[in-house]
Amino acid sequence: MTETELLLWERLRKNKNGSYRFRAQHPIGKFIADFYCHEVLLVIEIDGGIHQNEIVAERDEGRELEITNLGIKVIRFTNDEILNDLEKVATTISRVLDACRA
C-alpha cells in the first residue's frame, strides 16, 4: 500500500465510519479496488499524481464505468486530499456511506 492508502486504511480499519466494514485491495472483476465496502457497494479509490496523465485518466474512466455497471458506486480522493485534510475525507466518506444506505 502507498502512504496515503495506509493513512486512510488506518482510519477505515479502526471502524471510524460507524458499522461499515471495508476491505483493502479487494478484487472486483478484473480490477483491484483500493477499498471496498460490500454492505453498501462502495469503492474508494485514491489517486496519486500518475492519475493526472491523460492515458491513465482515460483508463480510470473506463475502469470506473465497468465497476459502476456492476451497481457499485466509486468515489475518488487525491493523495493531497488524504495528506492535507483527512478529516474532510472521512466526513465525505461518512456522508456517502449514509446516502448509499438510505
PDB file of N, CA and C in Angstrom:
ATOM      1  N   MET A   1       0.840  -1.181   0.000  1.00  0.00           N
ATOM      2  CA  MET A   1       0.000   0.000   0.000  1.00  0.00           C
ATOM      3  C   MET A   1       0.886   1.246   0.000  1.00  0.00           C
ATOM      4  N   THR A   2       0.343   2.296  -0.595  1.00  0.00           N
ATOM      5  CA  THR A   2       1.052   3.573  -0.580  1.00  0.00           C
ATOM      6  C   THR A   2       0.860   4.250   0.780  1.00  0.00           C
ATOM      7  N   GLU A   3       1.611   5.310   1.006  1.00  0.00           N
ATOM      8  CA  GLU A   3       1.495   6.056   2.269  1.00  0.00           C
ATOM      9  C   GLU A   3       0.061   6.547   2.487  1.00  0.00           C
ATOM     10  N   THR A   4      -0.537   7.100   1.444  1.00  0.00           N
ATOM     11  CA  THR A   4      -1.897   7.634   1.600  1.00  0.00           C
ATOM     12  C   THR A   4      -2.920   6.519   1.786  1.00  0.00           C
ATOM     13  N   GLU A   5      -2.718   5.402   1.117  1.00  0.00           N
ATOM     14  CA  GLU A   5      -3.616   4.261   1.327  1.00  0.00           C
ATOM     15  C   GLU A   5      -3.523   3.771   2.769  1.00  0.00           C
ATOM     16  N   LEU A   6      -2.315   3.729   3.306  1.00  0.00           N
ATOM     17  CA  LEU A   6      -2.136   3.303   4.693  1.00  0.00           C
ATOM     18  C   LEU A   6      -2.820   4.258   5.673  1.00  0.00           C
ATOM     19  N   LEU A   7      -2.714   5.552   5.409  1.00  0.00           N
ATOM     20  CA  LEU A   7      -3.375   6.534   6.280  1.00  0.00           C
ATOM     21  C   LEU A   7      -4.887   6.341   6.287  1.00  0.00           C
ATOM     22  N   LEU A   8      -5.458   6.209   5.099  1.00  0.00           N
ATOM     23  CA  LEU A   8      -6.906   6.033   5.030  1.00  0.00           C
ATOM     24  C   LEU A   8      -7.308   4.665   5.565  1.00  0.00           C
ATOM     25  N   TRP A   9      -6.515   3.639   5.291  1.00  0.00           N
ATOM     26  CA  TRP A   9      -6.826   2.296   5.781  1.00  0.00           C
ATOM     27  C   TRP A   9      -6.865   2.274   7.304  1.00  0.00           C
ATOM     28  N   GLU A  10      -5.932   2.948   7.930  1.00  0.00           N
ATOM     29  CA  GLU A  10      -5.915   3.018   9.391  1.00  0.00           C
ATOM     30  C   GLU A  10      -7.222   3.621   9.902  1.00  0.00           C
ATOM     31  N   ARG A  11      -7.692   4.614   9.215  1.00  0.00           N
ATOM     32  CA  ARG A  11      -8.951   5.274   9.590  1.00  0.00           C
ATOM     33  C   ARG A  11     -10.139   4.333   9.367  1.00  0.00           C
ATOM     34  N   LEU A  12     -10.188   3.685   8.222  1.00  0.00           N
ATOM     35  CA  LEU A  12     -11.305   2.790   7.894  1.00  0.00           C
ATOM     36  C   LEU A  12     -11.265   1.532   8.756  1.00  0.00           C
ATOM     37  N   ARG A  13     -10.086   1.005   8.975  1.00  0.00           N
ATOM     38  CA  ARG A  13      -9.915  -0.244   9.709  1.00  0.00           C
ATOM     39  C   ARG A  13     -10.333  -0.114  11.162  1.00  0.00           C
ATOM     40  N   LYS A  14     -10.102   1.040  11.720  1.00  0.00           N
ATOM     41  CA  LYS A  14     -10.483   1.262  13.112  1.00  0.00           C
ATOM     42  C   LYS A  14     -11.977   1.554  13.249  1.00  0.00           C
ATOM     43  N   ASN A  15     -12.685   1.343  12.142  1.00  0.00           N
ATOM     44  CA  ASN A  15     -14.140   1.431  12.153  1.00  0.00           C
ATOM     45  C   ASN A  15     -14.621   2.816  12.592  1.00  0.00           C
ATOM     46  N   LYS A  16     -13.972   3.831  12.094  1.00  0.00           N
ATOM     47  CA  LYS A  16     -14.355   5.191  12.457  1.00  0.00           C
ATOM     48  C   LYS A  16     -15.501   5.696  11.596  1.00  0.00           C
ATOM     49  N   ASN A  17     -16.030   4.846  10.754  1.00  0.00           N
ATOM     50  CA  ASN A  17     -17.173   5.219   9.923  1.00  0.00           C
ATOM     51  C   ASN A  17     -18.393   4.399  10.318  1.00  0.00           C
ATOM     52  N   GLY A  18     -18.633   4.291  11.586  1.00  0.00           N
ATOM     53  CA  GLY A  18     -19.798   3.552  12.054  1.00  0.00           C
ATOM     54  C   GLY A  18     -19.575   2.065  11.946  1.00  0.00           C
ATOM     55  N   SER A  19     -20.593   1.354  11.530  1.00  0.00           N
ATOM     56  CA  SER A  19     -20.527  -0.109  11.483  1.00  0.00           C
ATOM     57  C   SER A  19     -20.070  -0.647  10.126  1.00  0.00           C
ATOM     58  N   TYR A  20     -19.664   0.219   9.236  1.00  0.00           N
ATOM     59  CA  TYR A  20     -19.281  -0.213   7.895  1.00  0.00           C
ATOM     60  C   TYR A  20     -17.911  -0.874   7.914  1.00  0.00           C
ATOM     61  N   ARG A  21     -17.817  -1.989   7.224  1.00  0.00           N
ATOM     62  CA  ARG A  21     -16.561  -2.728   7.167  1.00  0.00           C
ATOM     63  C   ARG A  21     -15.983  -2.637   5.756  1.00  0.00           C
ATOM     64  N   PHE A  22     -14.723  -2.279   5.687  1.00  0.00           N
ATOM     65  CA  PHE A  22     -14.039  -2.149   4.401  1.00  0.00           C
ATOM     66  C   PHE A  22     -13.007  -3.240   4.235  1.00  0.00           C
ATOM     67  N   ARG A  23     -12.762  -3.573   2.976  1.00  0.00           N
ATOM     68  CA  ARG A  23     -11.680  -4.483   2.619  1.00  0.00           C
ATOM     69  C   ARG A  23     -10.684  -3.691   1.786  1.00  0.00           C
ATOM     70  N   ALA A  24      -9.414  -3.883   2.070  1.00  0.00           N
ATOM     71  CA  ALA A  24      -8.363  -3.202   1.304  1.00  0.00           C
ATOM     72  C   ALA A  24      -7.910  -4.093   0.161  1.00  0.00           C
ATOM     73  N   GLN A  25      -7.585  -3.459  -0.960  1.00  0.00           N
ATOM     74  CA  GLN A  25      -7.063  -4.166  -2.130  1.00  0.00           C
ATOM     75  C   GLN A  25      -7.972  -5.334  -2.502  1.00  0.00           C
ATOM     76  N   HIS A  26      -9.247  -5.019  -2.669  1.00  0.00           N
ATOM     77  CA  HIS A  26     -10.263  -6.047  -2.911  1.00  0.00           C
ATOM     78  C   HIS A  26     -10.520  -6.227  -4.412  1.00  0.00           C
ATOM     79  N   PRO A  27     -10.473  -7.477  -4.904  1.00  0.00           N
ATOM     80  CA  PRO A  27     -10.741  -7.709  -6.334  1.00  0.00           C
ATOM     81  C   PRO A  27     -12.222  -7.531  -6.656  1.00  0.00           C
ATOM     82  N   ILE A  28     -12.464  -6.827  -7.749  1.00  0.00           N
ATOM     83  CA  ILE A  28     -13.813  -6.681  -8.300  1.00  0.00           C
ATOM     84  C   ILE A  28     -13.672  -6.934  -9.796  1.00  0.00           C
ATOM     85  N   GLY A  29     -14.143  -8.082 -10.232  1.00  0.00           N
ATOM     86  CA  GLY A  29     -13.929  -8.467 -11.620  1.00  0.00           C
ATOM     87  C   GLY A  29     -12.441  -8.536 -11.898  1.00  0.00           C
ATOM     88  N   LYS A  30     -12.025  -7.847 -12.942  1.00  0.00           N
ATOM     89  CA  LYS A  30     -10.604  -7.857 -13.301  1.00  0.00           C
ATOM     90  C   LYS A  30      -9.816  -6.712 -12.660  1.00  0.00           C
ATOM     91  N   PHE A  31     -10.468  -5.981 -11.764  1.00  0.00           N
ATOM     92  CA  PHE A  31      -9.840  -4.832 -11.125  1.00  0.00           C
ATOM     93  C   PHE A  31      -9.564  -5.097  -9.649  1.00  0.00           C
ATOM     94  N   ILE A  32      -8.662  -4.309  -9.098  1.00  0.00           N
ATOM     95  CA  ILE A  32      -8.401  -4.325  -7.658  1.00  0.00           C
ATOM     96  C   ILE A  32      -8.785  -2.942  -7.135  1.00  0.00           C
ATOM     97  N   ALA A  33      -9.780  -2.909  -6.258  1.00  0.00           N
ATOM     98  CA  ALA A  33     -10.213  -1.644  -5.656  1.00  0.00           C
ATOM     99  C   ALA A  33      -9.323  -1.335  -4.462  1.00  0.00           C
ATOM    100  N   ASP A  34      -8.985  -0.065  -4.289  1.00  0.00           N
ATOM    101  CA  ASP A  34      -8.184   0.315  -3.120  1.00  0.00           C
ATOM    102  C   ASP A  34      -8.919  -0.097  -1.847  1.00  0.00           C
ATOM    103  N   PHE A  35     -10.207   0.287  -1.750  1.00  0.00           N
ATOM    104  CA  PHE A  35     -11.032  -0.075  -0.591  1.00  0.00           C
ATOM    105  C   PHE A  35     -12.447  -0.366  -1.069  1.00  0.00           C
ATOM    106  N   TYR A  36     -13.071  -1.360  -0.459  1.00  0.00           N
ATOM    107  CA  TYR A  36     -14.414  -1.767  -0.871  1.00  0.00           C
ATOM    108  C   TYR A  36     -15.264  -2.084   0.351  1.00  0.00           C
ATOM    109  N   CYS A  37     -16.489  -1.552   0.359  1.00  0.00           N
ATOM    110  CA  CYS A  37     -17.475  -1.860   1.391  1.00  0.00           C
ATOM    111  C   CYS A  37     -18.621  -2.606   0.721  1.00  0.00           C
ATOM    112  N   HIS A  38     -18.686  -3.908   0.970  1.00  0.00           N
ATOM    113  CA  HIS A  38     -19.697  -4.755   0.331  1.00  0.00           C
ATOM    114  C   HIS A  38     -21.109  -4.399   0.784  1.00  0.00           C
ATOM    115  N   GLU A  39     -21.236  -4.018   2.040  1.00  0.00           N
ATOM    116  CA  GLU A  39     -22.552  -3.727   2.616  1.00  0.00           C
ATOM    117  C   GLU A  39     -23.327  -2.687   1.807  1.00  0.00           C
ATOM    118  N   VAL A  40     -22.636  -1.665   1.323  1.00  0.00           N
ATOM    119  CA  VAL A  40     -23.320  -0.608   0.572  1.00  0.00           C
ATOM    120  C   VAL A  40     -22.813  -0.493  -0.865  1.00  0.00           C
ATOM    121  N   LEU A  41     -21.999  -1.462  -1.303  1.00  0.00           N
ATOM    122  CA  LEU A  41     -21.452  -1.479  -2.666  1.00  0.00           C
ATOM    123  C   LEU A  41     -20.745  -0.172  -2.994  1.00  0.00           C
ATOM    124  N   LEU A  42     -19.692   0.100  -2.234  1.00  0.00           N
ATOM    125  CA  LEU A  42     -18.935   1.339  -2.395  1.00  0.00           C
ATOM    126  C   LEU A  42     -17.449   1.050  -2.526  1.00  0.00           C
ATOM    127  N   VAL A  43     -16.846   1.647  -3.542  1.00  0.00           N
ATOM    128  CA  VAL A  43     -15.398   1.586  -3.755  1.00  0.00           C
ATOM    129  C   VAL A  43     -14.819   2.967  -3.473  1.00  0.00           C
ATOM    130  N   ILE A  44     -13.704   2.977  -2.764  1.00  0.00           N
ATOM    131  CA  ILE A  44     -12.948   4.212  -2.558  1.00  0.00           C
ATOM    132  C   ILE A  44     -11.608   4.040  -3.243  1.00  0.00           C
ATOM    133  N   GLU A  45     -11.305   4.965  -4.132  1.00  0.00           N
ATOM    134  CA  GLU A  45     -10.033   4.955  -4.855  1.00  0.00           C
ATOM    135  C   GLU A  45      -9.217   6.169  -4.444  1.00  0.00           C
ATOM    136  N   ILE A  46      -7.918   5.991  -4.334  1.00  0.00           N
ATOM    137  CA  ILE A  46      -7.004   7.090  -4.040  1.00  0.00           C
ATOM    138  C   ILE A  46      -6.093   7.265  -5.245  1.00  0.00           C
ATOM    139  N   ASP A  47      -6.091   8.481  -5.764  1.00  0.00           N
ATOM    140  CA  ASP A  47      -5.339   8.769  -6.974  1.00  0.00           C
ATOM    141  C   ASP A  47      -4.087   9.585  -6.683  1.00  0.00           C
ATOM    142  N   GLY A  48      -2.950   9.038  -7.076  1.00  0.00           N
ATOM    143  CA  GLY A  48      -1.691   9.761  -6.993  1.00  0.00           C
ATOM    144  C   GLY A  48      -1.497  10.605  -8.244  1.00  0.00           C
ATOM    145  N   GLY A  49      -0.362  11.232  -8.344  1.00  0.00           N
ATOM    146  CA  GLY A  49      -0.066  12.127  -9.458  1.00  0.00           C
ATOM    147  C   GLY A  49      -0.148  11.473 -10.824  1.00  0.00           C
ATOM    148  N   ILE A  50       0.159  10.183 -10.907  1.00  0.00           N
ATOM    149  CA  ILE A  50       0.115   9.477 -12.193  1.00  0.00           C
ATOM    150  C   ILE A  50      -1.273   9.503 -12.810  1.00  0.00           C
ATOM    151  N   HIS A  51      -2.293   9.636 -11.995  1.00  0.00           N
ATOM    152  CA  HIS A  51      -3.672   9.626 -12.489  1.00  0.00           C
ATOM    153  C   HIS A  51      -4.036  10.913 -13.229  1.00  0.00           C
ATOM    154  N   GLN A  52      -3.148  11.903 -13.192  1.00  0.00           N
ATOM    155  CA  GLN A  52      -3.364  13.129 -13.970  1.00  0.00           C
ATOM    156  C   GLN A  52      -2.909  12.951 -15.410  1.00  0.00           C
ATOM    157  N   ASN A  53      -2.157  11.903 -15.677  1.00  0.00           N
ATOM    158  CA  ASN A  53      -1.731  11.584 -17.033  1.00  0.00           C
ATOM    159  C   ASN A  53      -2.965  11.233 -17.856  1.00  0.00           C
ATOM    160  N   GLU A  54      -3.066  11.774 -19.060  1.00  0.00           N
ATOM    161  CA  GLU A  54      -4.255  11.610 -19.898  1.00  0.00           C
ATOM    162  C   GLU A  54      -4.588  10.135 -20.163  1.00  0.00           C
ATOM    163  N   ILE A  55      -3.600   9.337 -20.436  1.00  0.00           N
ATOM    164  CA  ILE A  55      -3.833   7.918 -20.731  1.00  0.00           C
ATOM    165  C   ILE A  55      -4.334   7.195 -19.487  1.00  0.00           C
ATOM    166  N   VAL A  56      -3.718   7.468 -18.363  1.00  0.00           N
ATOM    167  CA  VAL A  56      -4.128   6.832 -17.111  1.00  0.00           C
ATOM    168  C   VAL A  56      -5.531   7.292 -16.726  1.00  0.00           C
ATOM    169  N   ALA A  57      -5.817   8.582 -16.915  1.00  0.00           N
ATOM    170  CA  ALA A  57      -7.149   9.118 -16.596  1.00  0.00           C
ATOM    171  C   ALA A  57      -8.221   8.447 -17.450  1.00  0.00           C
ATOM    172  N   GLU A  58      -7.938   8.221 -18.730  1.00  0.00           N
ATOM    173  CA  GLU A  58      -8.891   7.533 -19.607  1.00  0.00           C
ATOM    174  C   GLU A  58      -9.109   6.096 -19.145  1.00  0.00           C
ATOM    175  N   ARG A  59      -8.042   5.440 -18.756  1.00  0.00           N
ATOM    176  CA  ARG A  59      -8.151   4.071 -18.248  1.00  0.00           C
ATOM    177  C   ARG A  59      -8.985   4.043 -16.965  1.00  0.00           C
ATOM    178  N   ASP A  60      -8.768   5.030 -16.097  1.00  0.00           N
ATOM    179  CA  ASP A  60      -9.551   5.133 -14.864  1.00  0.00           C
ATOM    180  C   ASP A  60     -11.042   5.297 -15.162  1.00  0.00           C
ATOM    181  N   GLU A  61     -11.358   6.125 -16.156  1.00  0.00           N
ATOM    182  CA  GLU A  61     -12.764   6.334 -16.531  1.00  0.00           C
ATOM    183  C   GLU A  61     -13.406   5.024 -16.987  1.00  0.00           C
ATOM    184  N   GLY A  62     -12.691   4.282 -17.827  1.00  0.00           N
ATOM    185  CA  GLY A  62     -13.217   3.007 -18.311  1.00  0.00           C
ATOM    186  C   GLY A  62     -13.396   2.008 -17.187  1.00  0.00           C
ATOM    187  N   ARG A  63     -12.439   1.958 -16.309  1.00  0.00           N
ATOM    188  CA  ARG A  63     -12.499   1.066 -15.149  1.00  0.00           C
ATOM    189  C   ARG A  63     -13.675   1.432 -14.253  1.00  0.00           C
ATOM    190  N   GLU A  64     -13.836   2.739 -14.000  1.00  0.00           N
ATOM    191  CA  GLU A  64     -14.941   3.196 -13.157  1.00  0.00           C
ATOM    192  C   GLU A  64     -16.286   2.873 -13.796  1.00  0.00           C
ATOM    193  N   LEU A  65     -16.397   3.019 -15.088  1.00  0.00           N
ATOM    194  CA  LEU A  65     -17.640   2.692 -15.788  1.00  0.00           C
ATOM    195  C   LEU A  65     -17.975   1.208 -15.629  1.00  0.00           C
ATOM    196  N   GLU A  66     -16.986   0.358 -15.789  1.00  0.00           N
ATOM    197  CA  GLU A  66     -17.233  -1.080 -15.627  1.00  0.00           C
ATOM    198  C   GLU A  66     -17.671  -1.418 -14.202  1.00  0.00           C
ATOM    199  N   ILE A  67     -17.062  -0.775 -13.231  1.00  0.00           N
ATOM    200  CA  ILE A  67     -17.431  -1.037 -11.829  1.00  0.00           C
ATOM    201  C   ILE A  67     -18.830  -0.508 -11.535  1.00  0.00           C
ATOM    202  N   THR A  68     -19.148   0.690 -12.016  1.00  0.00           N
ATOM    203  CA  THR A  68     -20.489   1.225 -11.764  1.00  0.00           C
ATOM    204  C   THR A  68     -21.565   0.417 -12.492  1.00  0.00           C
ATOM    205  N   ASN A  69     -21.200  -0.185 -13.602  1.00  0.00           N
ATOM    206  CA  ASN A  69     -22.158  -1.053 -14.301  1.00  0.00           C
ATOM    207  C   ASN A  69     -22.514  -2.290 -13.480  1.00  0.00           C
ATOM    208  N   LEU A  70     -21.703  -2.595 -12.479  1.00  0.00           N
ATOM    209  CA  LEU A  70     -21.991  -3.698 -11.556  1.00  0.00           C
ATOM    210  C   LEU A  70     -22.858  -3.241 -10.387  1.00  0.00           C
ATOM    211  N   GLY A  71     -23.256  -1.956 -10.411  1.00  0.00           N
ATOM    212  CA  GLY A  71     -24.084  -1.415  -9.340  1.00  0.00           C
ATOM    213  C   GLY A  71     -23.282  -0.908  -8.153  1.00  0.00           C
ATOM    214  N   ILE A  72     -21.987  -0.701  -8.365  1.00  0.00           N
ATOM    215  CA  ILE A  72     -21.098  -0.265  -7.296  1.00  0.00           C
ATOM    216  C   ILE A  72     -20.747   1.206  -7.503  1.00  0.00           C
ATOM    217  N   LYS A  73     -20.888   1.999  -6.455  1.00  0.00           N
ATOM    218  CA  LYS A  73     -20.539   3.415  -6.502  1.00  0.00           C
ATOM    219  C   LYS A  73     -19.038   3.556  -6.261  1.00  0.00           C
ATOM    220  N   VAL A  74     -18.428   4.490  -6.979  1.00  0.00           N
ATOM    221  CA  VAL A  74     -16.998   4.748  -6.838  1.00  0.00           C
ATOM    222  C   VAL A  74     -16.801   6.211  -6.432  1.00  0.00           C
ATOM    223  N   ILE A  75     -16.027   6.425  -5.370  1.00  0.00           N
ATOM    224  CA  ILE A  75     -15.617   7.783  -5.029  1.00  0.00           C
ATOM    225  C   ILE A  75     -14.098   7.832  -5.031  1.00  0.00           C
ATOM    226  N   ARG A  76     -13.570   9.001  -5.391  1.00  0.00           N
ATOM    227  CA  ARG A  76     -12.129   9.157  -5.546  1.00  0.00           C
ATOM    228  C   ARG A  76     -11.629  10.318  -4.698  1.00  0.00           C
ATOM    229  N   PHE A  77     -10.440  10.120  -4.176  1.00  0.00           N
ATOM    230  CA  PHE A  77      -9.730  11.170  -3.471  1.00  0.00           C
ATOM    231  C   PHE A  77      -8.312  11.206  -4.003  1.00  0.00           C
ATOM    232  N   THR A  78      -7.702  12.379  -3.932  1.00  0.00           N
ATOM    233  CA  THR A  78      -6.304  12.501  -4.341  1.00  0.00           C
ATOM    234  C   THR A  78      -5.399  12.267  -3.135  1.00  0.00           C
ATOM    235  N   ASN A  79      -4.153  11.980  -3.425  1.00  0.00           N
ATOM    236  CA  ASN A  79      -3.164  11.864  -2.350  1.00  0.00           C
ATOM    237  C   ASN A  79      -3.149  13.139  -1.509  1.00  0.00           C
ATOM    238  N   ASP A  80      -3.202  14.295  -2.171  1.00  0.00           N
ATOM    239  CA  ASP A  80      -3.167  15.571  -1.458  1.00  0.00           C
ATOM    240  C   ASP A  80      -4.338  15.705  -0.491  1.00  0.00           C
ATOM    241  N   GLU A  81      -5.521  15.280  -0.901  1.00  0.00           N
ATOM    242  CA  GLU A  81      -6.671  15.353  -0.006  1.00  0.00           C
ATOM    243  C   GLU A  81      -6.450  14.500   1.242  1.00  0.00           C
ATOM    244  N   ILE A  82      -5.904  13.322   1.048  1.00  0.00           N
ATOM    245  CA  ILE A  82      -5.650  12.425   2.180  1.00  0.00           C
ATOM    246  C   ILE A  82      -4.599  13.028   3.109  1.00  0.00           C
ATOM    247  N   LEU A  83      -3.528  13.529   2.526  1.00  0.00           N
ATOM    248  CA  LEU A  83      -2.418  14.052   3.321  1.00  0.00           C
ATOM    249  C   LEU A  83      -2.748  15.372   4.020  1.00  0.00           C
ATOM    250  N   ASN A  84      -3.533  16.221   3.351  1.00  0.00           N
ATOM    251  CA  ASN A  84      -3.754  17.566   3.871  1.00  0.00           C
ATOM    252  C   ASN A  84      -5.050  17.761   4.642  1.00  0.00           C
ATOM    253  N   ASP A  85      -6.035  16.887   4.437  1.00  0.00           N
ATOM    254  CA  ASP A  85      -7.302  17.077   5.145  1.00  0.00           C
ATOM    255  C   ASP A  85      -8.044  15.750   5.306  1.00  0.00           C
ATOM    256  N   LEU A  86      -7.436  14.849   6.064  1.00  0.00           N
ATOM    257  CA  LEU A  86      -8.015  13.526   6.274  1.00  0.00           C
ATOM    258  C   LEU A  86      -9.386  13.615   6.942  1.00  0.00           C
ATOM    259  N   GLU A  87      -9.581  14.618   7.796  1.00  0.00           N
ATOM    260  CA  GLU A  87     -10.884  14.771   8.456  1.00  0.00           C
ATOM    261  C   GLU A  87     -11.983  15.069   7.438  1.00  0.00           C
ATOM    262  N   LYS A  88     -11.704  15.914   6.479  1.00  0.00           N
ATOM    263  CA  LYS A  88     -12.684  16.229   5.433  1.00  0.00           C
ATOM    264  C   LYS A  88     -12.981  14.984   4.592  1.00  0.00           C
ATOM    265  N   VAL A  89     -11.941  14.232   4.267  1.00  0.00           N
ATOM    266  CA  VAL A  89     -12.128  12.983   3.516  1.00  0.00           C
ATOM    267  C   VAL A  89     -13.017  12.030   4.307  1.00  0.00           C
ATOM    268  N   ALA A  90     -12.742  11.881   5.602  1.00  0.00           N
ATOM    269  CA  ALA A  90     -13.536  10.985   6.452  1.00  0.00           C
ATOM    270  C   ALA A  90     -14.994  11.438   6.524  1.00  0.00           C
ATOM    271  N   THR A  91     -15.209  12.744   6.613  1.00  0.00           N
ATOM    272  CA  THR A  91     -16.580  13.281   6.639  1.00  0.00           C
ATOM    273  C   THR A  91     -17.297  12.990   5.325  1.00  0.00           C
ATOM    274  N   THR A  92     -16.599  13.170   4.226  1.00  0.00           N
ATOM    275  CA  THR A  92     -17.189  12.879   2.913  1.00  0.00           C
ATOM    276  C   THR A  92     -17.551  11.403   2.801  1.00  0.00           C
ATOM    277  N   ILE A  93     -16.662  10.540   3.234  1.00  0.00           N
ATOM    278  CA  ILE A  93     -16.933   9.101   3.184  1.00  0.00           C
ATOM    279  C   ILE A  93     -18.153   8.768   4.036  1.00  0.00           C
ATOM    280  N   SER A  94     -18.244   9.332   5.220  1.00  0.00           N
ATOM    281  CA  SER A  94     -19.399   9.078   6.096  1.00  0.00           C
ATOM    282  C   SER A  94     -20.700   9.504   5.436  1.00  0.00           C
ATOM    283  N   ARG A  95     -20.680  10.659   4.786  1.00  0.00           N
ATOM    284  CA  ARG A  95     -21.886  11.134   4.100  1.00  0.00           C
ATOM    285  C   ARG A  95     -22.275  10.208   2.949  1.00  0.00           C
ATOM    286  N   VAL A  96     -21.286   9.772   2.200  1.00  0.00           N
ATOM    287  CA  VAL A  96     -21.571   8.864   1.082  1.00  0.00           C
ATOM    288  C   VAL A  96     -22.113   7.533   1.602  1.00  0.00           C
ATOM    289  N   LEU A  97     -21.512   7.027   2.662  1.00  0.00           N
ATOM    290  CA  LEU A  97     -21.996   5.776   3.257  1.00  0.00           C
ATOM    291  C   LEU A  97     -23.447   5.899   3.687  1.00  0.00           C
ATOM    292  N   ASP A  98     -23.777   6.986   4.361  1.00  0.00           N
ATOM    293  CA  ASP A  98     -25.156   7.198   4.797  1.00  0.00           C
ATOM    294  C   ASP A  98     -26.097   7.321   3.617  1.00  0.00           C
ATOM    295  N   ALA A  99     -25.677   8.000   2.557  1.00  0.00           N
ATOM    296  CA  ALA A  99     -26.507   8.154   1.364  1.00  0.00           C
ATOM    297  C   ALA A  99     -26.698   6.820   0.650  1.00  0.00           C
ATOM    298  N   CYS A 100     -25.667   5.988   0.634  1.00  0.00           N
ATOM    299  CA  CYS A 100     -25.766   4.676  -0.019  1.00  0.00           C
ATOM    300  C   CYS A 100     -26.748   3.780   0.725  1.00  0.00           C
ATOM    301  N   ARG A 101     -26.776   3.923   2.011  1.00  0.00           N
ATOM    302  CA  ARG A 101     -27.633   3.065   2.832  1.00  0.00           C
ATOM    303  C   ARG A 101     -29.089   3.504   2.771  1.00  0.00           C
ATOM    304  N   ALA A 102     -29.319   4.790   2.515  1.00  0.00           N
ATOM    305  CA  ALA A 102     -30.685   5.343   2.514  1.00  0.00           C
ATOM    306  C   ALA A 102     -31.536   4.803   1.385  1.00  0.00           C
TER     307      ALA A 102
END
